[in-house]
C-alpha atoms as a PDB file:
ATOM      1  CA  MET A   1     117.205 228.262-107.875  1.00  0.00           C
ATOM      2  CA  THR A   2     116.712 230.156-104.600  1.00  0.00           C
ATOM      3  CA  THR A   3     117.818 233.648-103.888  1.00  0.00           C
ATOM      4  CA  ALA A   4     118.282 235.499-100.631  1.00  0.00           C
ATOM      5  CA  PRO A   5     115.358 237.736 -99.707  1.00  0.00           C
ATOM      6  CA  HIS A   6     115.858 241.409-100.427  1.00  0.00           C
ATOM      7  CA  THR A   7     117.180 243.409 -97.535  1.00  0.00           C
ATOM      8  CA  TYR A   8     114.912 245.792 -95.665  1.00  0.00           C
ATOM      9  CA  LEU A   9     114.716 249.211 -97.268  1.00  0.00           C
ATOM     10  CA  LEU A  10     114.122 252.165 -94.973  1.00  0.00           C
ATOM     11  CA  PRO A  11     111.192 254.348 -96.051  1.00  0.00           C
ATOM     12  CA  VAL A  12     112.121 257.194 -98.391  1.00  0.00           C
ATOM     13  CA  ALA A  13     112.166 260.645 -96.771  1.00  0.00           C
ATOM     14  CA  VAL A  14     110.584 263.486 -98.760  1.00  0.00           C
ATOM     15  CA  ILE A  15     111.920 266.749 -97.347  1.00  0.00           C
ATOM     16  CA  GLU A  16     110.719 270.329 -97.678  1.00  0.00           C
ATOM     17  CA  GLU A  17     111.579 273.561 -95.880  1.00  0.00           C
ATOM     18  CA  SER A  18     108.568 275.841 -95.918  1.00  0.00           C
ATOM     19  CA  SER A  19     107.637 278.872 -93.815  1.00  0.00           C
ATOM     20  CA  GLY A  20     110.508 278.295 -91.419  1.00  0.00           C
ATOM     21  CA  LYS A  21     109.565 274.655 -90.772  1.00  0.00           C
ATOM     22  CA  ILE A  22     111.100 271.351 -91.851  1.00  0.00           C
ATOM     23  CA  CYS A  23     108.546 268.920 -93.253  1.00  0.00           C
ATOM     24  CA  ILE A  24     109.488 265.249 -93.654  1.00  0.00           C
ATOM     25  CA  TRP A  25     107.235 262.510 -95.017  1.00  0.00           C
ATOM     26  CA  HIS A  26     108.205 258.833 -95.021  1.00  0.00           C
ATOM     27  CA  ILE A  27     107.018 256.511 -97.794  1.00  0.00           C
ATOM     28  CA  ASP A  28     107.541 252.750 -97.615  1.00  0.00           C
ATOM     29  CA  VAL A  29     108.744 251.649-101.057  1.00  0.00           C
ATOM     30  CA  GLY A  30     109.709 248.113-100.052  1.00  0.00           C
ATOM     31  CA  PRO A  31     107.784 244.955-100.851  1.00  0.00           C
ATOM     32  CA  ASP A  32     104.143 245.114 -99.746  1.00  0.00           C
ATOM     33  CA  ILE A  33     103.669 243.906 -96.173  1.00  0.00           C
ATOM     34  CA  GLY A  34     100.080 245.062 -95.831  1.00  0.00           C
ATOM     35  CA  LEU A  35     100.777 248.343 -94.030  1.00  0.00           C
ATOM     36  CA  PRO A  36     100.119 251.847 -95.382  1.00  0.00           C
ATOM     37  CA  ARG A  37     102.929 253.154 -97.583  1.00  0.00           C
ATOM     38  CA  LEU A  38     102.630 256.692 -96.194  1.00  0.00           C
ATOM     39  CA  SER A  39     104.286 255.803 -92.922  1.00  0.00           C
ATOM     40  CA  GLY A  40     104.723 259.125 -91.155  1.00  0.00           C
ATOM     41  CA  GLY A  41     104.828 262.871 -91.524  1.00  0.00           C
ATOM     42  CA  TRP A  42     106.504 265.480 -89.343  1.00  0.00           C
ATOM     43  CA  VAL A  43     106.498 269.284 -89.330  1.00  0.00           C
ATOM     44  CA  LEU A  44     109.449 270.348 -87.205  1.00  0.00           C
ATOM     45  CA  GLU A  45     111.192 273.460 -85.997  1.00  0.00           C
ATOM     46  CA  PRO A  46     114.602 273.923 -87.663  1.00  0.00           C
ATOM     47  CA  ASP A  47     116.372 273.710 -84.286  1.00  0.00           C
ATOM     48  CA  ASP A  48     115.008 270.176 -83.646  1.00  0.00           C
ATOM     49  CA  THR A  49     118.134 268.825 -85.315  1.00  0.00           C
ATOM     50  CA  ASP A  50     118.298 265.481 -83.486  1.00  0.00           C
ATOM     51  CA  THR A  51     114.824 264.521 -84.706  1.00  0.00           C
ATOM     52  CA  ILE A  52     115.516 265.853 -88.206  1.00  0.00           C
ATOM     53  CA  VAL A  53     118.756 263.885 -88.488  1.00  0.00           C
ATOM     54  CA  ASN A  54     117.118 260.704 -87.132  1.00  0.00           C
ATOM     55  CA  LEU A  55     114.281 260.970 -89.659  1.00  0.00           C
ATOM     56  CA  ILE A  56     116.644 261.424 -92.627  1.00  0.00           C
ATOM     57  CA  ARG A  57     119.983 259.714 -91.917  1.00  0.00           C
ATOM     58  CA  GLY A  58     120.648 256.552 -93.959  1.00  0.00           C
ATOM     59  CA  ARG A  59     117.504 256.862 -96.058  1.00  0.00           C
ATOM     60  CA  HIS A  60     116.930 257.533 -99.719  1.00  0.00           C
ATOM     61  CA  VAL A  61     115.667 261.095 -99.934  1.00  0.00           C
ATOM     62  CA  VAL A  62     113.636 263.325-102.224  1.00  0.00           C
ATOM     63  CA  LEU A  63     114.429 267.001-101.789  1.00  0.00           C
ATOM     64  CA  CYS A  64     111.764 269.595-102.549  1.00  0.00           C
ATOM     65  CA  ASN A  65     112.442 273.093-103.845  1.00  0.00           C
ATOM     66  CA  GLY A  66     116.201 273.153-103.456  1.00  0.00           C
ATOM     67  CA  THR A  67     116.462 272.538 -99.719  1.00  0.00           C
ATOM     68  CA  ASP A  68     120.091 272.325 -98.608  1.00  0.00           C
ATOM     69  CA  ILE A  69     119.339 270.650 -95.270  1.00  0.00           C
ATOM     70  CA  LEU A  70     121.560 267.628 -95.990  1.00  0.00           C
ATOM     71  CA  ALA A  71     124.683 269.743 -96.464  1.00  0.00           C
ATOM     72  CA  ARG A  72     123.763 272.240 -93.756  1.00  0.00           C
ATOM     73  CA  GLU A  73     123.212 269.555 -91.111  1.00  0.00           C
ATOM     74  CA  LYS A  74     125.854 267.181 -92.569  1.00  0.00           C
ATOM     75  CA  ILE A  75     123.336 264.332 -92.893  1.00  0.00           C
ATOM     76  CA  THR A  76     124.519 261.176 -94.638  1.00  0.00           C
ATOM     77  CA  THR A  77     121.846 259.483 -96.738  1.00  0.00           C
ATOM     78  CA  ALA A  78     121.553 256.481 -99.040  1.00  0.00           C
ATOM     79  CA  GLY A  79     121.267 258.968-101.914  1.00  0.00           C
ATOM     80  CA  THR A  80     118.892 261.404-103.556  1.00  0.00           C
ATOM     81  CA  VAL A  81     116.192 259.699-105.611  1.00  0.00           C
ATOM     82  CA  ASP A  82     115.835 260.704-109.260  1.00  0.00           C
ATOM     83  CA  ILE A  83     112.043 260.650-109.578  1.00  0.00           C
ATOM     84  CA  ASP A  84     112.045 260.841-113.387  1.00  0.00           C
ATOM     85  CA  ALA A  85     114.482 257.909-113.627  1.00  0.00           C
ATOM     86  CA  THR A  86     112.392 255.965-111.094  1.00  0.00           C
ATOM     87  CA  VAL A  87     109.279 256.355-113.242  1.00  0.00           C
ATOM     88  CA  ASP A  88     111.308 255.388-116.320  1.00  0.00           C
ATOM     89  CA  ALA A  89     112.622 252.277-114.529  1.00  0.00           C
ATOM     90  CA  VAL A  90     109.095 251.186-113.555  1.00  0.00           C
ATOM     91  CA  ILE A  91     107.824 251.681-117.113  1.00  0.00           C
ATOM     92  CA  ALA A  92     110.845 249.832-118.555  1.00  0.00           C
ATOM     93  CA  GLU A  93     110.245 246.895-116.194  1.00  0.00           C
ATOM     94  CA  ARG A  94     106.560 246.774-117.068  1.00  0.00           C
ATOM     95  CA  ASP A  95     107.382 246.837-120.791  1.00  0.00           C
ATOM     96  CA  ASP A  96     110.044 244.129-120.384  1.00  0.00           C
ATOM     97  CA  LEU A  97     107.615 241.902-118.481  1.00  0.00           C
ATOM     98  CA  GLN A  98     104.961 242.397-121.178  1.00  0.00           C
ATOM     99  CA  SER A  99     107.494 241.519-123.881  1.00  0.00           C
ATOM    100  CA  ARG A 100     108.503 238.371-121.986  1.00  0.00           C
ATOM    101  CA  PHE A 101     104.834 237.479-121.522  1.00  0.00           C
ATOM    102  CA  ASN A 102     104.217 237.933-125.267  1.00  0.00           C
ATOM    103  CA  SER A 103     107.166 235.649-126.116  1.00  0.00           C
ATOM    104  CA  HIS A 104     105.937 232.965-123.726  1.00  0.00           C
ATOM    105  CA  ALA A 105     102.296 233.325-124.853  1.00  0.00           C
ATOM    106  CA  ALA A 106     103.338 232.724-128.456  1.00  0.00           C
ATOM    107  CA  THR A 107     104.167 229.126-127.473  1.00  0.00           C
ATOM    108  CA  ARG A 108     100.917 228.490-125.539  1.00  0.00           C
ATOM    109  CA  LYS A 109      97.255 228.315-126.496  1.00  0.00           C
ATOM    110  CA  THR A 110      95.670 229.982-123.482  1.00  0.00           C
ATOM    111  CA  LEU A 111      97.272 232.404-121.099  1.00  0.00           C
ATOM    112  CA  VAL A 112      95.632 235.208-119.188  1.00  0.00           C
ATOM    113  CA  SER A 113      97.343 238.445-120.099  1.00  0.00           C
ATOM    114  CA  PRO A 114      98.637 240.535-117.198  1.00  0.00           C
ATOM    115  CA  THR A 115      96.676 243.615-116.221  1.00  0.00           C
ATOM    116  CA  TRP A 116      99.418 246.136-115.640  1.00  0.00           C
ATOM    117  CA  PRO A 117      98.779 249.134-113.406  1.00  0.00           C
ATOM    118  CA  GLU A 118      98.724 252.638-114.781  1.00  0.00           C
ATOM    119  CA  ILE A 119     102.065 254.329-114.146  1.00  0.00           C
ATOM    120  CA  THR A 120     101.566 257.978-113.236  1.00  0.00           C
ATOM    121  CA  HIS A 121     104.438 260.333-112.515  1.00  0.00           C
ATOM    122  CA  PRO A 122     104.466 261.354-108.822  1.00  0.00           C
ATOM    123  CA  LYS A 123     104.584 265.031-109.812  1.00  0.00           C
ATOM    124  CA  GLU A 124     101.345 264.602-111.791  1.00  0.00           C
ATOM    125  CA  ILE A 125      99.688 263.118-108.702  1.00  0.00           C
ATOM    126  CA  ALA A 126     101.156 265.895-106.544  1.00  0.00           C
ATOM    127  CA  ALA A 127      99.562 268.504-108.798  1.00  0.00           C
ATOM    128  CA  THR A 128      96.112 267.029-108.074  1.00  0.00           C
ATOM    129  CA  VAL A 129      96.403 266.895-104.272  1.00  0.00           C
ATOM    130  CA  PRO A 130      93.988 269.406-102.750  1.00  0.00           C
ATOM    131  CA  ARG A 131      95.739 271.738-100.334  1.00  0.00           C
ATOM    132  CA  THR A 132      94.613 274.555 -98.128  1.00  0.00           C
ATOM    133  CA  GLU A 133      96.749 277.630 -97.611  1.00  0.00           C
ATOM    134  CA  LYS A 134      97.664 276.310 -94.136  1.00  0.00           C
ATOM    135  CA  ILE A 135      98.791 272.931 -95.545  1.00  0.00           C
ATOM    136  CA  ILE A 136     100.855 274.681 -98.219  1.00  0.00           C
ATOM    137  CA  GLU A 137     102.443 276.828 -95.524  1.00  0.00           C
ATOM    138  CA  GLN A 138     103.272 273.849 -93.305  1.00  0.00           C
ATOM    139  CA  THR A 139     104.237 271.127 -95.758  1.00  0.00           C
ATOM    140  CA  GLY A 140     105.066 272.876 -99.014  1.00  0.00           C
ATOM    141  CA  ASP A 141     105.458 270.234-101.712  1.00  0.00           C
ATOM    142  CA  ALA A 142     106.520 267.377 -99.413  1.00  0.00           C
ATOM    143  CA  PHE A 143     103.051 265.986 -98.707  1.00  0.00           C
ATOM    144  CA  PRO A 144     101.758 266.112-102.305  1.00  0.00           C
ATOM    145  CA  LEU A 145     104.965 264.562-103.634  1.00  0.00           C
ATOM    146  CA  ALA A 146     104.836 261.878-100.934  1.00  0.00           C
ATOM    147  CA  ARG A 147     101.288 261.084-102.099  1.00  0.00           C
ATOM    148  CA  GLY A 148     102.596 260.746-105.653  1.00  0.00           C
ATOM    149  CA  LEU A 149     105.376 258.396-104.561  1.00  0.00           C
ATOM    150  CA  ASN A 150     102.784 256.431-102.597  1.00  0.00           C
ATOM    151  CA  VAL A 151     100.758 255.899-105.802  1.00  0.00           C
ATOM    152  CA  LEU A 152     103.902 254.860-107.711  1.00  0.00           C
ATOM    153  CA  ALA A 153     104.891 252.383-104.970  1.00  0.00           C
ATOM    154  CA  GLN A 154     101.380 250.906-105.056  1.00  0.00           C
ATOM    155  CA  ALA A 155     101.597 250.509-108.843  1.00  0.00           C
ATOM    156  CA  TRP A 156     104.967 248.782-108.421  1.00  0.00           C
ATOM    157  CA  THR A 157     103.396 246.380-105.915  1.00  0.00           C
ATOM    158  CA  GLN A 158     100.693 245.504-108.462  1.00  0.00           C
ATOM    159  CA  LEU A 159     103.352 244.975-111.126  1.00  0.00           C
ATOM    160  CA  GLU A 160     105.303 242.682-108.798  1.00  0.00           C
ATOM    161  CA  LYS A 161     102.179 240.657-107.960  1.00  0.00           C
ATOM    162  CA  GLN A 162     101.581 240.103-111.680  1.00  0.00           C
ATOM    163  CA  ARG A 163     105.230 239.085-112.161  1.00  0.00           C
ATOM    164  CA  LEU A 164     105.222 236.638-109.248  1.00  0.00           C
ATOM    165  CA  ALA A 165     101.882 235.096-110.308  1.00  0.00           C
ATOM    166  CA  ARG A 166     103.475 233.800-113.521  1.00  0.00           C
ATOM    167  CA  PRO A 167     106.324 231.315-113.035  1.00  0.00           C
ATOM    168  CA  PHE A 168     107.831 232.185-116.424  1.00  0.00           C
ATOM    169  CA  LEU A 169     108.264 235.846-115.357  1.00  0.00           C
ATOM    170  CA  ILE A 170     109.908 235.197-111.985  1.00  0.00           C
ATOM    171  CA  GLU A 171     113.493 234.870-113.196  1.00  0.00           C
ATOM    172  CA  PRO A 172     115.935 236.546-113.503  1.00  0.00           C
ATOM    173  CA  ALA A 173     114.718 238.846-110.681  1.00  0.00           C
ATOM    174  CA  GLY A 174     113.894 235.956-108.357  1.00  0.00           C
ATOM    175  CA  PRO A 175     110.925 234.718-106.346  1.00  0.00           C
ATOM    176  CA  ASP A 176     110.793 237.570-103.823  1.00  0.00           C
ATOM    177  CA  ALA A 177     108.826 240.783-104.286  1.00  0.00           C
ATOM    178  CA  ARG A 178     111.235 243.615-105.014  1.00  0.00           C
ATOM    179  CA  PRO A 179     111.226 247.150-103.632  1.00  0.00           C
ATOM    180  CA  LEU A 180     110.485 250.064-105.927  1.00  0.00           C
ATOM    181  CA  PRO A 181     113.604 250.764-108.014  1.00  0.00           C
ATOM    182  CA  LEU A 182     115.269 253.971-106.812  1.00  0.00           C
ATOM    183  CA  PRO A 183     117.764 255.370-109.324  1.00  0.00           C
ATOM    184  CA  LEU A 184     119.792 258.130-107.733  1.00  0.00           C
ATOM    185  CA  VAL A 185     120.596 261.632-108.893  1.00  0.00           C
ATOM    186  CA  VAL A 186     124.133 261.653-110.282  1.00  0.00           C
ATOM    187  CA  ARG A 187     126.122 264.657-109.123  1.00  0.00           C
END
């Protein structure tokens, strides 16, 4: 059975308004193509609306500290990512794959067990990112949270590599590496 490759997913935009600036970090959460996942960071003046809109429009977003920039600038996005639900989805997928491996291994004599990556919540990673007072002033929580999402996306890539390396784990998701699952905040 063949499936169509997954469509391109724009990098997620992590957005913070701090000290009168708009900070936006992009994180590639699509299948691994060998490029860095932290794909860009901008600290902009609030009146640079064209750039702000271009960096956010159509993307999945993570909003830091209650910013209302989407409503204020009337920016349409692909939705606001629920980080807790994203972590839960990654853990659930890992656990499902391990369960499927266990079922398959019960019928075989020798199989190498997958080595699943550690799944760390992006906010836990963010709390460990060293920041100077100047960085805090310029980027607020956007950069540390982007780093945390970067680590989660890397863990997802490792999980996908383990899945695709075992033919009995490929279906029902298919033979293509999948992007990080991005459950959205329900309003």
